């Protein structure tokens, strides 16, 4: 297997923390990076979920509706027991 070098700048504290984790697992940071890259190739992308923590439009609308209901003095809150009973109907 032919190898090549790759240089990349990373935060020194991140490197130190990462090296400690991978040393505890019995590998170097370089080996861990190779594991990550091999898994990425095997799955055709990141080997874990990568996404922004941005609520969907539907979630935002539900949150706004919940706030509106919470502020409405005409709305009577149900107890947990009553809410469960409502769900059974």
PDB file of N, CA and C in Angstrom:
ATOM      1  N   UNK A   1       0.857  -1.172   0.000  1.00  0.00           N
ATOM      2  CA  UNK A   1       0.000   0.000   0.000  1.00  0.00           C
ATOM      3  C   UNK A   1       0.905   1.237   0.000  1.00  0.00           C
ATOM      4  N   UNK A   2       0.716   2.082  -0.981  1.00  0.00           N
ATOM      5  CA  UNK A   2       1.455   3.343  -1.035  1.00  0.00           C
ATOM      6  C   UNK A   2       0.817   4.332  -0.066  1.00  0.00           C
ATOM      7  N   UNK A   3       1.645   5.151   0.557  1.00  0.00           N
ATOM      8  CA  UNK A   3       1.123   6.145   1.490  1.00  0.00           C
ATOM      9  C   UNK A   3       1.532   7.533   1.030  1.00  0.00           C
ATOM     10  N   UNK A   4       0.862   8.515   1.554  1.00  0.00           N
ATOM     11  CA  UNK A   4       1.163   9.905   1.271  1.00  0.00           C
ATOM     12  C   UNK A   4       1.013  10.705   2.553  1.00  0.00           C
ATOM     13  N   UNK A   5       1.683  11.826   2.614  1.00  0.00           N
ATOM     14  CA  UNK A   5       1.570  12.693   3.786  1.00  0.00           C
ATOM     15  C   UNK A   5       0.534  13.768   3.524  1.00  0.00           C
ATOM     16  N   UNK A   6      -0.111  14.175   4.584  1.00  0.00           N
ATOM     17  CA  UNK A   6      -1.100  15.248   4.512  1.00  0.00           C
ATOM     18  C   UNK A   6      -0.923  16.096   5.759  1.00  0.00           C
ATOM     19  N   UNK A   7      -0.777  17.392   5.582  1.00  0.00           N
ATOM     20  CA  UNK A   7      -0.598  18.302   6.704  1.00  0.00           C
ATOM     21  C   UNK A   7      -1.823  19.187   6.835  1.00  0.00           C
ATOM     22  N   UNK A   8      -2.298  19.299   8.063  1.00  0.00           N
ATOM     23  CA  UNK A   8      -3.481  20.124   8.310  1.00  0.00           C
ATOM     24  C   UNK A   8      -3.319  20.797   9.663  1.00  0.00           C
ATOM     25  N   UNK A   9      -3.739  22.043   9.767  1.00  0.00           N
ATOM     26  CA  UNK A   9      -3.652  22.768  11.036  1.00  0.00           C
ATOM     27  C   UNK A   9      -4.903  22.474  11.866  1.00  0.00           C
ATOM     28  N   UNK A  10      -4.666  22.144  13.130  1.00  0.00           N
ATOM     29  CA  UNK A  10      -5.779  21.936  14.062  1.00  0.00           C
ATOM     30  C   UNK A  10      -5.441  22.633  15.374  1.00  0.00           C
ATOM     31  N   UNK A  11      -6.462  22.914  16.123  1.00  0.00           N
ATOM     32  CA  UNK A  11      -6.311  23.534  17.435  1.00  0.00           C
ATOM     33  C   UNK A  11      -5.442  22.627  18.303  1.00  0.00           C
ATOM     34  N   UNK A  12      -4.458  23.204  18.980  1.00  0.00           N
ATOM     35  CA  UNK A  12      -3.523  22.395  19.770  1.00  0.00           C
ATOM     36  C   UNK A  12      -4.217  21.661  20.919  1.00  0.00           C
ATOM     37  N   UNK A  13      -5.200  22.303  21.549  1.00  0.00           N
ATOM     38  CA  UNK A  13      -5.926  21.644  22.646  1.00  0.00           C
ATOM     39  C   UNK A  13      -6.766  20.479  22.108  1.00  0.00           C
ATOM     40  N   UNK A  14      -7.377  20.656  20.952  1.00  0.00           N
ATOM     41  CA  UNK A  14      -8.144  19.575  20.322  1.00  0.00           C
ATOM     42  C   UNK A  14      -7.232  18.400  20.002  1.00  0.00           C
ATOM     43  N   UNK A  15      -6.042  18.699  19.493  1.00  0.00           N
ATOM     44  CA  UNK A  15      -5.090  17.633  19.180  1.00  0.00           C
ATOM     45  C   UNK A  15      -4.696  16.880  20.447  1.00  0.00           C
ATOM     46  N   UNK A  16      -4.371  17.600  21.498  1.00  0.00           N
ATOM     47  CA  UNK A  16      -3.958  16.979  22.759  1.00  0.00           C
ATOM     48  C   UNK A  16      -5.065  16.078  23.310  1.00  0.00           C
ATOM     49  N   UNK A  17      -6.291  16.586  23.317  1.00  0.00           N
ATOM     50  CA  UNK A  17      -7.424  15.805  23.826  1.00  0.00           C
ATOM     51  C   UNK A  17      -7.666  14.570  22.955  1.00  0.00           C
ATOM     52  N   UNK A  18      -7.600  14.749  21.643  1.00  0.00           N
ATOM     53  CA  UNK A  18      -7.826  13.631  20.718  1.00  0.00           C
ATOM     54  C   UNK A  18      -6.739  12.575  20.867  1.00  0.00           C
ATOM     55  N   UNK A  19      -5.488  13.008  20.955  1.00  0.00           N
ATOM     56  CA  UNK A  19      -4.383  12.053  21.117  1.00  0.00           C
ATOM     57  C   UNK A  19      -4.549  11.246  22.394  1.00  0.00           C
ATOM     58  N   UNK A  20      -5.020  11.874  23.466  1.00  0.00           N
ATOM     59  CA  UNK A  20      -5.221  11.155  24.732  1.00  0.00           C
ATOM     60  C   UNK A  20      -6.305  10.086  24.578  1.00  0.00           C
ATOM     61  N   UNK A  21      -7.394  10.441  23.898  1.00  0.00           N
ATOM     62  CA  UNK A  21      -8.487   9.476  23.680  1.00  0.00           C
ATOM     63  C   UNK A  21      -7.996   8.299  22.867  1.00  0.00           C
ATOM     64  N   UNK A  22      -7.322   8.576  21.754  1.00  0.00           N
ATOM     65  CA  UNK A  22      -6.889   7.490  20.871  1.00  0.00           C
ATOM     66  C   UNK A  22      -5.752   6.683  21.476  1.00  0.00           C
ATOM     67  N   UNK A  23      -4.904   7.299  22.293  1.00  0.00           N
ATOM     68  CA  UNK A  23      -3.863   6.546  23.001  1.00  0.00           C
ATOM     69  C   UNK A  23      -4.505   5.532  23.945  1.00  0.00           C
ATOM     70  N   UNK A  24      -5.586   5.952  24.610  1.00  0.00           N
ATOM     71  CA  UNK A  24      -6.302   5.026  25.507  1.00  0.00           C
ATOM     72  C   UNK A  24      -6.903   3.865  24.729  1.00  0.00           C
ATOM     73  N   UNK A  25      -7.174   4.091  23.458  1.00  0.00           N
ATOM     74  CA  UNK A  25      -7.706   3.032  22.588  1.00  0.00           C
ATOM     75  C   UNK A  25      -6.584   2.246  21.909  1.00  0.00           C
ATOM     76  N   UNK A  26      -5.340   2.614  22.195  1.00  0.00           N
ATOM     77  CA  UNK A  26      -4.196   1.892  21.656  1.00  0.00           C
ATOM     78  C   UNK A  26      -3.801   2.292  20.249  1.00  0.00           C
ATOM     79  N   UNK A  27      -4.105   3.527  19.865  1.00  0.00           N
ATOM     80  CA  UNK A  27      -3.731   3.961  18.511  1.00  0.00           C
ATOM     81  C   UNK A  27      -3.259   5.403  18.514  1.00  0.00           C
ATOM     82  N   UNK A  28      -2.577   5.756  17.447  1.00  0.00           N
ATOM     83  CA  UNK A  28      -2.125   7.130  17.285  1.00  0.00           C
ATOM     84  C   UNK A  28      -3.232   7.956  16.636  1.00  0.00           C
ATOM     85  N   UNK A  29      -3.044   9.265  16.657  1.00  0.00           N
ATOM     86  CA  UNK A  29      -3.996  10.151  15.989  1.00  0.00           C
ATOM     87  C   UNK A  29      -4.012   9.854  14.492  1.00  0.00           C
ATOM     88  N   UNK A  30      -2.851   9.569  13.919  1.00  0.00           N
ATOM     89  CA  UNK A  30      -2.781   9.223  12.496  1.00  0.00           C
ATOM     90  C   UNK A  30      -3.589   7.978  12.169  1.00  0.00           C
ATOM     91  N   UNK A  31      -3.502   6.961  13.024  1.00  0.00           N
ATOM     92  CA  UNK A  31      -4.290   5.746  12.825  1.00  0.00           C
ATOM     93  C   UNK A  31      -5.780   6.043  12.930  1.00  0.00           C
ATOM     94  N   UNK A  32      -6.151   6.870  13.899  1.00  0.00           N
ATOM     95  CA  UNK A  32      -7.563   7.231  14.068  1.00  0.00           C
ATOM     96  C   UNK A  32      -8.090   7.971  12.837  1.00  0.00           C
ATOM     97  N   UNK A  33      -7.279   8.850  12.295  1.00  0.00           N
ATOM     98  CA  UNK A  33      -7.687   9.571  11.081  1.00  0.00           C
ATOM     99  C   UNK A  33      -7.866   8.592   9.931  1.00  0.00           C
ATOM    100  N   UNK A  34      -6.963   7.619   9.801  1.00  0.00           N
ATOM    101  CA  UNK A  34      -7.106   6.606   8.746  1.00  0.00           C
ATOM    102  C   UNK A  34      -8.365   5.768   8.936  1.00  0.00           C
ATOM    103  N   UNK A  35      -8.690   5.440  10.186  1.00  0.00           N
ATOM    104  CA  UNK A  35      -9.929   4.700  10.467  1.00  0.00           C
ATOM    105  C   UNK A  35     -11.129   5.521  10.011  1.00  0.00           C
ATOM    106  N   UNK A  36     -11.131   6.807  10.376  1.00  0.00           N
ATOM    107  CA  UNK A  36     -12.214   7.701   9.962  1.00  0.00           C
ATOM    108  C   UNK A  36     -12.344   7.743   8.440  1.00  0.00           C
ATOM    109  N   UNK A  37     -11.233   7.909   7.739  1.00  0.00           N
ATOM    110  CA  UNK A  37     -11.281   8.001   6.277  1.00  0.00           C
ATOM    111  C   UNK A  37     -11.735   6.682   5.635  1.00  0.00           C
ATOM    112  N   UNK A  38     -11.257   5.561   6.157  1.00  0.00           N
ATOM    113  CA  UNK A  38     -11.692   4.261   5.608  1.00  0.00           C
ATOM    114  C   UNK A  38     -13.199   4.047   5.816  1.00  0.00           C
ATOM    115  N   UNK A  39     -13.674   4.397   6.979  1.00  0.00           N
ATOM    116  CA  UNK A  39     -15.110   4.249   7.254  1.00  0.00           C
ATOM    117  C   UNK A  39     -15.912   5.197   6.370  1.00  0.00           C
ATOM    118  N   UNK A  40     -15.415   6.402   6.148  1.00  0.00           N
ATOM    119  CA  UNK A  40     -16.084   7.359   5.267  1.00  0.00           C
ATOM    120  C   UNK A  40     -16.224   6.796   3.861  1.00  0.00           C
ATOM    121  N   UNK A  41     -15.159   6.179   3.363  1.00  0.00           N
ATOM    122  CA  UNK A  41     -15.190   5.566   2.029  1.00  0.00           C
ATOM    123  C   UNK A  41     -16.186   4.406   2.012  1.00  0.00           C
ATOM    124  N   UNK A  42     -16.179   3.605   3.074  1.00  0.00           N
ATOM    125  CA  UNK A  42     -17.065   2.436   3.132  1.00  0.00           C
ATOM    126  C   UNK A  42     -18.539   2.815   3.116  1.00  0.00           C
ATOM    127  N   UNK A  43     -18.888   3.914   3.798  1.00  0.00           N
ATOM    128  CA  UNK A  43     -20.302   4.304   3.885  1.00  0.00           C
ATOM    129  C   UNK A  43     -20.680   5.381   2.864  1.00  0.00           C
ATOM    130  N   UNK A  44     -19.683   5.911   2.171  1.00  0.00           N
ATOM    131  CA  UNK A  44     -19.973   6.917   1.152  1.00  0.00           C
ATOM    132  C   UNK A  44     -20.249   8.302   1.714  1.00  0.00           C
ATOM    133  N   UNK A  45     -19.646   8.641   2.821  1.00  0.00           N
ATOM    134  CA  UNK A  45     -19.848   9.953   3.441  1.00  0.00           C
ATOM    135  C   UNK A  45     -19.365   9.921   4.876  1.00  0.00           C
ATOM    136  N   UNK A  46     -19.832  10.884   5.650  1.00  0.00           N
ATOM    137  CA  UNK A  46     -19.461  10.884   7.059  1.00  0.00           C
ATOM    138  C   UNK A  46     -19.976   9.611   7.724  1.00  0.00           C
ATOM    139  N   UNK A  47     -19.178   9.006   8.591  1.00  0.00           N
ATOM    140  CA  UNK A  47     -19.634   7.792   9.264  1.00  0.00           C
ATOM    141  C   UNK A  47     -20.489   8.079  10.491  1.00  0.00           C
ATOM    142  N   UNK A  48     -21.029   9.277  10.552  1.00  0.00           N
ATOM    143  CA  UNK A  48     -21.929   9.678  11.626  1.00  0.00           C
ATOM    144  C   UNK A  48     -22.804  10.800  11.095  1.00  0.00           C
ATOM    145  N   UNK A  49     -23.862  11.113  11.824  1.00  0.00           N
ATOM    146  CA  UNK A  49     -24.814  12.130  11.405  1.00  0.00           C
ATOM    147  C   UNK A  49     -24.211  13.516  11.540  1.00  0.00           C
ATOM    148  N   UNK A  50     -24.245  14.296  10.465  1.00  0.00           N
ATOM    149  CA  UNK A  50     -23.744  15.665  10.485  1.00  0.00           C
ATOM    150  C   UNK A  50     -24.864  16.568   9.997  1.00  0.00           C
ATOM    151  N   UNK A  51     -25.305  17.454  10.861  1.00  0.00           N
ATOM    152  CA  UNK A  51     -26.381  18.363  10.473  1.00  0.00           C
ATOM    153  C   UNK A  51     -26.404  19.575  11.387  1.00  0.00           C
ATOM    154  N   UNK A  52     -27.039  20.593  10.928  1.00  0.00           N
ATOM    155  CA  UNK A  52     -27.223  21.786  11.734  1.00  0.00           C
ATOM    156  C   UNK A  52     -28.358  21.542  12.711  1.00  0.00           C
ATOM    157  N   UNK A  53     -28.247  22.097  13.892  1.00  0.00           N
ATOM    158  CA  UNK A  53     -29.322  21.971  14.872  1.00  0.00           C
ATOM    159  C   UNK A  53     -30.309  23.114  14.666  1.00  0.00           C
ATOM    160  N   UNK A  54     -30.945  23.100  13.500  1.00  0.00           N
ATOM    161  CA  UNK A  54     -31.921  24.121  13.153  1.00  0.00           C
ATOM    162  C   UNK A  54     -33.282  23.445  13.079  1.00  0.00           C
ATOM    163  N   UNK A  55     -34.250  23.945  13.826  1.00  0.00           N
ATOM    164  CA  UNK A  55     -35.571  23.316  13.774  1.00  0.00           C
ATOM    165  C   UNK A  55     -36.207  23.476  12.386  1.00  0.00           C
ATOM    166  N   UNK A  56     -36.998  22.491  12.007  1.00  0.00           N
ATOM    167  CA  UNK A  56     -37.707  22.560  10.742  1.00  0.00           C
ATOM    168  C   UNK A  56     -38.821  23.600  10.842  1.00  0.00           C
ATOM    169  N   UNK A  57     -39.383  23.949   9.709  1.00  0.00           N
ATOM    170  CA  UNK A  57     -40.489  24.908   9.690  1.00  0.00           C
ATOM    171  C   UNK A  57     -41.655  24.389  10.531  1.00  0.00           C
ATOM    172  N   UNK A  58     -41.954  23.111  10.389  1.00  0.00           N
ATOM    173  CA  UNK A  58     -43.051  22.503  11.141  1.00  0.00           C
ATOM    174  C   UNK A  58     -42.798  22.599  12.648  1.00  0.00           C
ATOM    175  N   UNK A  59     -41.560  22.356  13.056  1.00  0.00           N
ATOM    176  CA  UNK A  59     -41.220  22.449  14.470  1.00  0.00           C
ATOM    177  C   UNK A  59     -41.353  23.884  14.966  1.00  0.00           C
ATOM    178  N   UNK A  60     -40.865  24.836  14.177  1.00  0.00           N
ATOM    179  CA  UNK A  60     -40.985  26.244  14.562  1.00  0.00           C
ATOM    180  C   UNK A  60     -42.439  26.658  14.718  1.00  0.00           C
ATOM    181  N   UNK A  61     -43.286  26.228  13.768  1.00  0.00           N
ATOM    182  CA  UNK A  61     -44.709  26.561  13.850  1.00  0.00           C
ATOM    183  C   UNK A  61     -45.332  25.964  15.103  1.00  0.00           C
ATOM    184  N   UNK A  62     -44.963  24.730  15.430  1.00  0.00           N
ATOM    185  CA  UNK A  62     -45.496  24.077  16.628  1.00  0.00           C
ATOM    186  C   UNK A  62     -45.035  24.800  17.890  1.00  0.00           C
ATOM    187  N   UNK A  63     -43.786  25.260  17.897  1.00  0.00           N
ATOM    188  CA  UNK A  63     -43.270  25.993  19.051  1.00  0.00           C
ATOM    189  C   UNK A  63     -44.006  27.322  19.232  1.00  0.00           C
ATOM    190  N   UNK A  64     -44.253  28.009  18.126  1.00  0.00           N
ATOM    191  CA  UNK A  64     -44.982  29.278  18.197  1.00  0.00           C
ATOM    192  C   UNK A  64     -46.415  29.062  18.678  1.00  0.00           C
ATOM    193  N   UNK A  65     -47.044  28.002  18.177  1.00  0.00           N
ATOM    194  CA  UNK A  65     -48.402  27.687  18.602  1.00  0.00           C
ATOM    195  C   UNK A  65     -48.434  27.357  20.095  1.00  0.00           C
ATOM    196  N   UNK A  66     -47.444  26.606  20.566  1.00  0.00           N
ATOM    197  CA  UNK A  66     -47.382  26.252  21.988  1.00  0.00           C
ATOM    198  C   UNK A  66     -47.210  27.491  22.858  1.00  0.00           C
ATOM    199  N   UNK A  67     -46.375  28.419  22.411  1.00  0.00           N
ATOM    200  CA  UNK A  67     -46.207  29.669  23.155  1.00  0.00           C
ATOM    201  C   UNK A  67     -47.500  30.464  23.208  1.00  0.00           C
ATOM    202  N   UNK A  68     -48.204  30.510  22.075  1.00  0.00           N
ATOM    203  CA  UNK A  68     -49.473  31.233  22.000  1.00  0.00           C
ATOM    204  C   UNK A  68     -50.499  30.623  22.956  1.00  0.00           C
ATOM    205  N   UNK A  69     -50.587  29.303  22.956  1.00  0.00           N
ATOM    206  CA  UNK A  69     -51.528  28.606  23.835  1.00  0.00           C
ATOM    207  C   UNK A  69     -51.157  28.838  25.297  1.00  0.00           C
ATOM    208  N   UNK A  70     -49.863  28.798  25.601  1.00  0.00           N
ATOM    209  CA  UNK A  70     -49.407  28.973  26.975  1.00  0.00           C
ATOM    210  C   UNK A  70     -49.749  30.355  27.515  1.00  0.00           C
ATOM    211  N   UNK A  71     -49.771  31.353  26.644  1.00  0.00           N
ATOM    212  CA  UNK A  71     -50.065  32.723  27.066  1.00  0.00           C
ATOM    213  C   UNK A  71     -51.564  33.034  27.102  1.00  0.00           C
ATOM    214  N   UNK A  72     -52.369  32.150  26.540  1.00  0.00           N
ATOM    215  CA  UNK A  72     -53.812  32.369  26.461  1.00  0.00           C
ATOM    216  C   UNK A  72     -54.459  32.014  27.794  1.00  0.00           C
ATOM    217  N   UNK A  73     -54.996  33.008  28.481  1.00  0.00           N
ATOM    218  CA  UNK A  73     -55.593  32.774  29.797  1.00  0.00           C
ATOM    219  C   UNK A  73     -56.894  31.980  29.705  1.00  0.00           C
ATOM    220  N   UNK A  74     -57.473  31.879  28.523  1.00  0.00           N
ATOM    221  CA  UNK A  74     -58.717  31.125  28.351  1.00  0.00           C
ATOM    222  C   UNK A  74     -58.477  29.616  28.255  1.00  0.00           C
ATOM    223  N   UNK A  75     -57.242  29.223  28.023  1.00  0.00           N
ATOM    224  CA  UNK A  75     -56.915  27.804  27.865  1.00  0.00           C
ATOM    225  C   UNK A  75     -56.664  27.202  29.233  1.00  0.00           C
ATOM    226  N   UNK A  76     -57.379  26.122  29.511  1.00  0.00           N
ATOM    227  CA  UNK A  76     -57.215  25.438  30.789  1.00  0.00           C
ATOM    228  C   UNK A  76     -56.298  24.236  30.576  1.00  0.00           C
ATOM    229  N   UNK A  77     -55.255  24.172  31.374  1.00  0.00           N
ATOM    230  CA  UNK A  77     -54.290  23.077  31.243  1.00  0.00           C
ATOM    231  C   UNK A  77     -54.877  21.793  31.814  1.00  0.00           C
ATOM    232  N   UNK A  78     -54.558  20.680  31.166  1.00  0.00           N
ATOM    233  CA  UNK A  78     -54.979  19.373  31.640  1.00  0.00           C
ATOM    234  C   UNK A  78     -53.909  18.784  32.545  1.00  0.00           C
ATOM    235  N   UNK A  79     -54.327  17.962  33.473  1.00  0.00           N
ATOM    236  CA  UNK A  79     -53.352  17.221  34.263  1.00  0.00           C
ATOM    237  C   UNK A  79     -52.775  16.125  33.363  1.00  0.00           C
ATOM    238  N   UNK A  80     -51.686  15.550  33.781  1.00  0.00           N
ATOM    239  CA  UNK A  80     -51.078  14.469  33.008  1.00  0.00           C
ATOM    240  C   UNK A  80     -52.066  13.323  32.857  1.00  0.00           C
ATOM    241  N   UNK A  81     -52.764  13.001  33.931  1.00  0.00           N
ATOM    242  CA  UNK A  81     -53.743  11.921  33.874  1.00  0.00           C
ATOM    243  C   UNK A  81     -54.845  12.203  32.877  1.00  0.00           C
ATOM    244  N   UNK A  82     -55.378  13.443  32.922  1.00  0.00           N
ATOM    245  CA  UNK A  82     -56.449  13.819  31.983  1.00  0.00           C
ATOM    246  C   UNK A  82     -55.941  13.798  30.541  1.00  0.00           C
ATOM    247  N   UNK A  83     -54.725  14.253  30.334  1.00  0.00           N
ATOM    248  CA  UNK A  83     -54.150  14.260  28.978  1.00  0.00           C
ATOM    249  C   UNK A  83     -54.016  12.832  28.460  1.00  0.00           C
ATOM    250  N   UNK A  84     -53.573  11.914  29.315  1.00  0.00           N
ATOM    251  CA  UNK A  84     -53.469  10.515  28.899  1.00  0.00           C
ATOM    252  C   UNK A  84     -54.833   9.914  28.576  1.00  0.00           C
ATOM    253  N   UNK A  85     -55.825  10.278  29.355  1.00  0.00           N
ATOM    254  CA  UNK A  85     -57.198   9.822  29.082  1.00  0.00           C
ATOM    255  C   UNK A  85     -57.682  10.339  27.723  1.00  0.00           C
ATOM    256  N   UNK A  86     -57.379  11.592  27.435  1.00  0.00           N
ATOM    257  CA  UNK A  86     -57.762  12.194  26.138  1.00  0.00           C
ATOM    258  C   UNK A  86     -57.107  11.429  24.995  1.00  0.00           C
ATOM    259  N   UNK A  87     -55.881  11.015  25.175  1.00  0.00           N
ATOM    260  CA  UNK A  87     -55.162  10.293  24.128  1.00  0.00           C
ATOM    261  C   UNK A  87     -55.779   8.921  23.882  1.00  0.00           C
ATOM    262  N   UNK A  88     -56.357   8.320  24.909  1.00  0.00           N
ATOM    263  CA  UNK A  88     -56.958   6.991  24.785  1.00  0.00           C
ATOM    264  C   UNK A  88     -58.264   7.023  24.003  1.00  0.00           C
ATOM    265  N   UNK A  89     -58.908   8.181  23.932  1.00  0.00           N
ATOM    266  CA  UNK A  89     -60.199   8.286  23.260  1.00  0.00           C
ATOM    267  C   UNK A  89     -60.082   8.267  21.769  1.00  0.00           C
TER     268      UNK A  89
END
